[in-house]
Amino acid sequence: MAERTCSVTGMSCGHCAASITEEVRGLAGVAEVDVDLTAGAVTVRGRGVDDGAVRAAIAEAGYEVTGAGPAAAA
């Protein structure tokens, strides 16, 4: 399973986390979504997850991806 962590701006509350989780969880291959409001990070775990689709899902939720760390095999 691969893992990708993105820096996301504009998140400040549980509703923010729930909105992002709902959008990203619906993507093909996504197994887990973790939102860390304090760090401003979203971590996605799964197989064959498209990075562009993750960025688009976060944007659909109303937030901006400002950076992404390397994918890591888990």
Protein backbone atom coordinates (compact mmCIF):
# COMPACT_ATOMS: atom_id res chain seq x y z
CA MET A 1 0.00 0.00 0.00
CA ALA A 2 1.33 3.44 -0.90
CA GLU A 3 1.12 6.53 1.25
CA ARG A 4 1.11 10.18 0.17
CA THR A 5 1.01 13.25 2.44
CA CYS A 6 -0.07 16.63 1.06
CA SER A 7 0.18 20.06 2.64
CA VAL A 8 -3.23 21.73 2.52
CA THR A 9 -4.14 25.33 3.37
CA GLY A 10 -7.37 26.64 4.85
CA MET A 11 -8.27 23.75 7.16
CA SER A 12 -9.27 24.82 10.66
CA CYS A 13 -12.01 22.59 12.10
CA GLY A 14 -13.66 19.20 12.18
CA HIS A 15 -15.97 20.18 9.33
CA CYS A 16 -12.91 20.90 7.16
CA ALA A 17 -11.50 17.47 7.96
CA ALA A 18 -14.84 15.75 7.30
CA SER A 19 -15.28 17.50 3.93
CA ILE A 20 -11.83 16.52 2.72
CA THR A 21 -12.17 12.97 4.03
CA GLU A 22 -15.51 12.50 2.28
CA GLU A 23 -14.21 13.76 -1.08
CA VAL A 24 -10.93 11.83 -1.03
CA ARG A 25 -12.38 8.59 0.38
CA GLY A 26 -14.59 8.32 -2.71
CA LEU A 27 -11.60 7.99 -5.04
CA ALA A 28 -10.64 4.66 -6.57
CA GLY A 29 -7.98 2.82 -4.61
CA VAL A 30 -8.18 4.93 -1.43
CA ALA A 31 -8.14 2.82 1.73
CA GLU A 32 -7.55 5.49 4.40
CA VAL A 33 -7.58 9.28 4.72
CA ASP A 34 -6.06 11.05 7.73
CA VAL A 35 -6.43 14.82 8.15
CA ASP A 36 -4.08 16.57 10.60
CA LEU A 37 -5.46 20.07 11.16
CA THR A 38 -2.53 21.18 13.33
CA ALA A 39 0.06 20.21 10.72
CA GLY A 40 -2.09 21.26 7.76
CA ALA A 41 -1.61 17.83 6.23
CA VAL A 42 -3.71 15.17 4.54
CA THR A 43 -2.33 11.62 4.33
CA VAL A 44 -3.84 9.19 1.84
CA ARG A 45 -3.13 5.46 1.86
CA GLY A 46 -4.16 3.03 -0.84
CA ARG A 47 -3.25 1.24 -4.04
CA GLY A 48 -3.14 2.90 -7.44
CA VAL A 49 -4.36 6.26 -6.13
CA ASP A 50 -3.98 9.05 -8.70
CA ASP A 51 -2.23 12.12 -7.22
CA GLY A 52 -4.07 14.45 -9.58
CA ALA A 53 -7.40 13.00 -8.48
CA VAL A 54 -6.46 13.56 -4.82
CA ARG A 55 -5.59 17.20 -5.55
CA ALA A 56 -8.85 17.64 -7.46
CA ALA A 57 -10.89 16.07 -4.63
CA ILE A 58 -9.28 18.36 -2.06
CA ALA A 59 -10.00 21.36 -4.33
CA GLU A 60 -13.61 20.17 -4.71
CA ALA A 61 -13.88 20.25 -0.92
CA GLY A 62 -12.75 23.90 -1.06
CA TYR A 63 -9.08 23.66 -0.05
CA GLU A 64 -5.73 24.07 -1.77
CA VAL A 65 -2.88 21.58 -1.92
CA THR A 66 0.32 23.58 -1.48
CA GLY A 67 2.80 20.73 -1.52
CA ALA A 68 3.12 16.98 -1.49
CA GLY A 69 5.66 14.62 -0.02
CA PRO A 70 6.95 11.57 -1.87
CA ALA A 71 4.82 8.47 -2.07
CA ALA A 72 6.11 5.75 0.21
CA ALA A 73 5.48 2.03 0.01
CA ALA A 74 4.00 0.70 3.21
